């Protein structure tokens, strides 16, 4: 699969995510494409001198996820994703006013 413009990731990590959670990194692009910026961004957090962010958002079919990413050369580099924890889901829902 071709990585969409503005994004990059490690194909092996995407495959691992698909095995563990049933979705790949390509499914995460939807989180960032929402016109109303409907995701909660936390960070930056320092990881060995690199700023990393956590975006809490909703996949196209409704699952709320926490996406760890960094910005490299103008592209979002997806590091990892997992289903959002209860507290993260509550923060996300509160941000949306629900």
N, C-alpha and C. Protein backbone atom coordinates (compact mmCIF):
# COMPACT_ATOMS: atom_id res chain seq x y z
N UNK A 1 0.84 -1.18 0.00
CA UNK A 1 0.00 0.00 0.00
C UNK A 1 0.88 1.24 0.00
N UNK A 2 0.47 2.25 -0.75
CA UNK A 2 1.19 3.51 -0.83
C UNK A 2 0.82 4.38 0.37
N UNK A 3 1.82 4.99 0.98
CA UNK A 3 1.57 5.88 2.10
C UNK A 3 0.99 7.19 1.58
N UNK A 4 -0.09 7.70 2.17
CA UNK A 4 -0.70 8.94 1.69
C UNK A 4 0.25 10.13 1.85
N UNK A 5 0.12 11.16 1.01
CA UNK A 5 0.96 12.35 1.14
C UNK A 5 0.82 12.95 2.54
N UNK A 6 1.93 13.40 3.09
CA UNK A 6 1.92 14.02 4.41
C UNK A 6 2.10 13.05 5.57
N UNK A 7 2.24 11.77 5.25
CA UNK A 7 2.38 10.75 6.28
C UNK A 7 3.55 9.84 5.95
N UNK A 8 4.09 9.20 6.97
CA UNK A 8 5.06 8.13 6.79
C UNK A 8 4.99 7.22 8.00
N UNK A 9 5.40 5.97 7.81
CA UNK A 9 5.44 5.00 8.90
C UNK A 9 6.24 3.79 8.48
N UNK A 10 6.57 3.00 9.45
CA UNK A 10 7.28 1.75 9.23
C UNK A 10 6.25 0.68 8.88
N UNK A 11 6.43 0.04 7.72
CA UNK A 11 5.47 -0.96 7.26
C UNK A 11 5.35 -2.14 8.22
N UNK A 12 6.46 -2.54 8.83
CA UNK A 12 6.42 -3.66 9.78
C UNK A 12 5.61 -3.30 11.03
N UNK A 13 5.74 -2.06 11.49
CA UNK A 13 4.96 -1.64 12.67
C UNK A 13 3.47 -1.57 12.32
N UNK A 14 3.16 -1.13 11.12
CA UNK A 14 1.77 -1.09 10.68
C UNK A 14 1.18 -2.50 10.63
N UNK A 15 1.95 -3.45 10.10
CA UNK A 15 1.50 -4.84 10.04
C UNK A 15 1.30 -5.41 11.45
N UNK A 16 2.20 -5.07 12.35
CA UNK A 16 2.07 -5.53 13.74
C UNK A 16 0.80 -4.98 14.37
N UNK A 17 0.53 -3.70 14.11
CA UNK A 17 -0.70 -3.08 14.63
C UNK A 17 -1.93 -3.80 14.09
N UNK A 18 -1.90 -4.12 12.81
CA UNK A 18 -3.04 -4.81 12.20
C UNK A 18 -3.24 -6.18 12.84
N UNK A 19 -2.16 -6.87 13.14
CA UNK A 19 -2.25 -8.17 13.79
C UNK A 19 -2.81 -8.04 15.21
N UNK A 20 -2.32 -7.03 15.95
CA UNK A 20 -2.73 -6.87 17.35
C UNK A 20 -4.11 -6.27 17.52
N UNK A 21 -4.47 -5.28 16.66
CA UNK A 21 -5.70 -4.52 16.89
C UNK A 21 -6.72 -4.60 15.76
N UNK A 22 -6.34 -5.13 14.61
CA UNK A 22 -7.29 -5.25 13.52
C UNK A 22 -7.38 -4.05 12.60
N UNK A 23 -6.45 -3.10 12.73
CA UNK A 23 -6.39 -1.98 11.80
C UNK A 23 -4.94 -1.60 11.58
N UNK A 24 -4.67 -1.03 10.42
CA UNK A 24 -3.30 -0.66 10.08
C UNK A 24 -3.11 0.84 10.20
N UNK A 25 -1.88 1.28 10.05
CA UNK A 25 -1.60 2.72 10.14
C UNK A 25 -2.34 3.50 9.07
N UNK A 26 -2.58 2.90 7.92
CA UNK A 26 -3.31 3.63 6.87
C UNK A 26 -4.72 3.99 7.32
N UNK A 27 -5.31 3.22 8.23
CA UNK A 27 -6.63 3.55 8.77
C UNK A 27 -6.61 4.80 9.65
N UNK A 28 -5.42 5.18 10.13
CA UNK A 28 -5.29 6.31 11.05
C UNK A 28 -5.36 7.65 10.35
N UNK A 29 -5.13 7.66 9.06
CA UNK A 29 -5.13 8.92 8.32
C UNK A 29 -6.46 9.64 8.55
N UNK A 30 -7.54 8.90 8.68
CA UNK A 30 -8.86 9.48 8.91
C UNK A 30 -8.88 10.37 10.17
N UNK A 31 -8.16 9.98 11.19
CA UNK A 31 -8.13 10.75 12.44
C UNK A 31 -7.68 12.19 12.16
N UNK A 32 -6.71 12.35 11.27
CA UNK A 32 -6.12 13.66 11.01
C UNK A 32 -6.80 14.42 9.88
N UNK A 33 -7.64 13.78 9.12
CA UNK A 33 -8.26 14.44 7.97
C UNK A 33 -9.59 15.09 8.29
N UNK A 34 -10.05 14.99 9.51
CA UNK A 34 -11.32 15.60 9.87
C UNK A 34 -11.23 17.11 9.72
N UNK A 35 -12.14 17.68 8.95
CA UNK A 35 -12.12 19.11 8.66
C UNK A 35 -12.23 19.98 9.91
N UNK A 36 -12.88 19.47 10.93
CA UNK A 36 -13.09 20.26 12.15
C UNK A 36 -12.01 20.01 13.20
N UNK A 37 -10.92 19.34 12.83
CA UNK A 37 -9.82 19.08 13.76
C UNK A 37 -10.35 18.37 15.00
N UNK A 38 -11.18 17.36 14.76
CA UNK A 38 -11.82 16.65 15.87
C UNK A 38 -10.94 15.56 16.46
N UNK A 39 -9.75 15.95 16.85
CA UNK A 39 -8.94 15.05 17.65
C UNK A 39 -8.25 15.88 18.72
N UNK A 40 -7.93 15.24 19.80
CA UNK A 40 -7.28 15.89 20.92
C UNK A 40 -5.79 15.63 20.82
N UNK A 41 -4.99 16.70 20.80
CA UNK A 41 -3.54 16.53 20.70
C UNK A 41 -2.89 16.83 22.04
N UNK A 42 -2.08 15.90 22.50
CA UNK A 42 -1.33 16.04 23.74
C UNK A 42 0.15 16.10 23.40
N UNK A 43 0.87 16.93 24.09
CA UNK A 43 2.32 17.01 23.86
C UNK A 43 2.71 18.40 23.40
N UNK A 44 3.95 18.58 23.06
CA UNK A 44 4.92 17.54 22.77
C UNK A 44 5.55 16.94 24.02
N UNK A 45 5.88 15.69 23.88
CA UNK A 45 6.62 14.95 24.88
C UNK A 45 8.00 14.70 24.29
N UNK A 46 9.03 14.77 25.10
CA UNK A 46 10.38 14.57 24.59
C UNK A 46 10.73 13.09 24.59
N UNK A 47 11.19 12.61 23.44
CA UNK A 47 11.68 11.23 23.34
C UNK A 47 13.06 11.28 22.70
N UNK A 48 14.07 11.23 23.55
CA UNK A 48 15.47 11.27 23.09
C UNK A 48 15.72 12.47 22.18
N UNK A 49 15.19 13.62 22.59
CA UNK A 49 15.42 14.86 21.85
C UNK A 49 14.43 15.10 20.71
N UNK A 50 13.53 14.18 20.47
CA UNK A 50 12.53 14.34 19.41
C UNK A 50 11.17 14.61 20.03
N UNK A 51 10.49 15.67 19.61
CA UNK A 51 9.15 15.91 20.15
C UNK A 51 8.15 14.90 19.59
N UNK A 52 7.39 14.30 20.47
CA UNK A 52 6.35 13.36 20.06
C UNK A 52 5.01 13.83 20.61
N UNK A 53 3.98 13.51 19.88
CA UNK A 53 2.62 13.92 20.23
C UNK A 53 1.74 12.69 20.33
N UNK A 54 0.66 12.84 21.07
CA UNK A 54 -0.38 11.81 21.12
C UNK A 54 -1.66 12.47 20.63
N UNK A 55 -2.23 11.90 19.59
CA UNK A 55 -3.51 12.37 19.07
C UNK A 55 -4.57 11.35 19.46
N UNK A 56 -5.61 11.81 20.12
CA UNK A 56 -6.72 10.93 20.47
C UNK A 56 -7.86 11.28 19.52
N UNK A 57 -8.27 10.32 18.75
CA UNK A 57 -9.30 10.57 17.75
C UNK A 57 -10.07 9.31 17.41
N UNK A 58 -11.00 9.48 16.48
CA UNK A 58 -11.91 8.39 16.13
C UNK A 58 -11.60 7.87 14.73
N UNK A 59 -11.52 6.55 14.60
CA UNK A 59 -11.37 5.93 13.29
C UNK A 59 -12.69 6.03 12.54
N UNK A 60 -12.68 5.76 11.26
CA UNK A 60 -13.87 5.90 10.43
C UNK A 60 -15.06 5.11 10.96
N UNK A 61 -14.83 3.97 11.60
CA UNK A 61 -15.92 3.13 12.09
C UNK A 61 -16.23 3.37 13.57
N UNK A 62 -15.58 4.40 14.18
CA UNK A 62 -15.97 4.81 15.53
C UNK A 62 -15.02 4.46 16.66
N UNK A 63 -14.07 3.57 16.46
CA UNK A 63 -13.13 3.23 17.53
C UNK A 63 -12.27 4.43 17.87
N UNK A 64 -12.16 4.75 19.15
CA UNK A 64 -11.32 5.86 19.60
C UNK A 64 -9.93 5.30 19.89
N UNK A 65 -8.92 5.95 19.30
CA UNK A 65 -7.54 5.47 19.40
C UNK A 65 -6.62 6.58 19.89
N UNK A 66 -5.47 6.17 20.41
CA UNK A 66 -4.39 7.08 20.77
C UNK A 66 -3.25 6.82 19.80
N UNK A 67 -2.88 7.85 19.04
CA UNK A 67 -1.86 7.73 18.00
C UNK A 67 -0.62 8.49 18.44
N UNK A 68 0.51 7.82 18.54
CA UNK A 68 1.78 8.47 18.85
C UNK A 68 2.45 8.80 17.52
N UNK A 69 2.84 10.08 17.37
CA UNK A 69 3.47 10.49 16.12
C UNK A 69 4.45 11.62 16.38
N UNK A 70 5.27 11.90 15.39
CA UNK A 70 6.17 13.04 15.41
C UNK A 70 6.11 13.69 14.04
N UNK A 71 6.61 14.89 13.94
CA UNK A 71 6.68 15.58 12.65
C UNK A 71 8.11 15.49 12.14
N UNK A 72 8.27 15.00 10.92
CA UNK A 72 9.59 14.91 10.28
C UNK A 72 9.48 15.43 8.85
N UNK A 73 10.23 16.48 8.58
CA UNK A 73 10.27 17.05 7.24
C UNK A 73 8.88 17.33 6.69
N UNK A 74 8.01 17.89 7.56
CA UNK A 74 6.67 18.26 7.14
C UNK A 74 5.68 17.12 7.02
N UNK A 75 6.06 15.92 7.45
CA UNK A 75 5.16 14.77 7.40
C UNK A 75 4.93 14.23 8.81
N UNK A 76 3.72 13.71 9.03
CA UNK A 76 3.46 13.01 10.29
C UNK A 76 4.04 11.62 10.19
N UNK A 77 4.95 11.32 11.07
CA UNK A 77 5.50 9.96 11.14
C UNK A 77 4.77 9.25 12.26
N UNK A 78 3.96 8.27 11.90
CA UNK A 78 3.21 7.50 12.89
C UNK A 78 4.17 6.52 13.54
N UNK A 79 4.23 6.57 14.87
CA UNK A 79 5.11 5.71 15.63
C UNK A 79 4.35 4.46 16.10
N UNK A 80 3.21 4.69 16.72
CA UNK A 80 2.41 3.57 17.23
C UNK A 80 1.00 4.05 17.49
N UNK A 81 0.09 3.10 17.60
CA UNK A 81 -1.31 3.38 17.93
C UNK A 81 -1.84 2.25 18.79
N UNK A 82 -2.84 2.59 19.56
CA UNK A 82 -3.53 1.59 20.38
C UNK A 82 -4.92 2.12 20.66
N UNK A 83 -5.84 1.25 21.04
CA UNK A 83 -7.15 1.74 21.46
C UNK A 83 -6.96 2.69 22.65
N UNK A 84 -7.73 3.76 22.66
CA UNK A 84 -7.60 4.75 23.74
C UNK A 84 -8.04 4.14 25.07
N UNK A 85 -7.36 4.58 26.12
CA UNK A 85 -7.72 4.15 27.47
C UNK A 85 -8.97 4.91 27.91
N UNK A 86 -9.59 4.42 28.96
CA UNK A 86 -10.84 5.01 29.45
C UNK A 86 -10.70 6.52 29.70
N UNK A 87 -9.63 6.93 30.36
CA UNK A 87 -9.42 8.35 30.66
C UNK A 87 -9.22 9.15 29.37
N UNK A 88 -8.52 8.58 28.40
CA UNK A 88 -8.30 9.26 27.12
C UNK A 88 -9.61 9.41 26.36
N UNK A 89 -10.44 8.37 26.39
CA UNK A 89 -11.75 8.46 25.73
C UNK A 89 -12.60 9.55 26.38
N UNK A 90 -12.52 9.65 27.71
CA UNK A 90 -13.29 10.68 28.41
C UNK A 90 -12.80 12.09 28.03
N UNK A 91 -11.49 12.28 27.95
CA UNK A 91 -10.95 13.58 27.54
C UNK A 91 -11.39 13.94 26.12
N UNK A 92 -11.33 12.97 25.23
CA UNK A 92 -11.72 13.18 23.84
C UNK A 92 -13.20 13.55 23.75
N UNK A 93 -14.04 12.81 24.44
CA UNK A 93 -15.47 13.08 24.43
C UNK A 93 -15.79 14.44 25.02
N UNK A 94 -15.09 14.81 26.10
CA UNK A 94 -15.30 16.12 26.71
C UNK A 94 -14.92 17.25 25.76
N UNK A 95 -13.85 17.05 25.01
CA UNK A 95 -13.42 18.08 24.04
C UNK A 95 -14.50 18.32 22.98
N UNK A 96 -15.17 17.25 22.60
CA UNK A 96 -16.20 17.37 21.57
C UNK A 96 -17.52 17.88 22.12
N UNK A 97 -17.55 18.08 23.45
CA UNK A 97 -18.76 18.61 24.07
C UNK A 97 -19.82 17.55 24.31
N UNK A 98 -19.39 16.29 24.39
CA UNK A 98 -20.37 15.20 24.56
C UNK A 98 -20.15 14.53 25.80
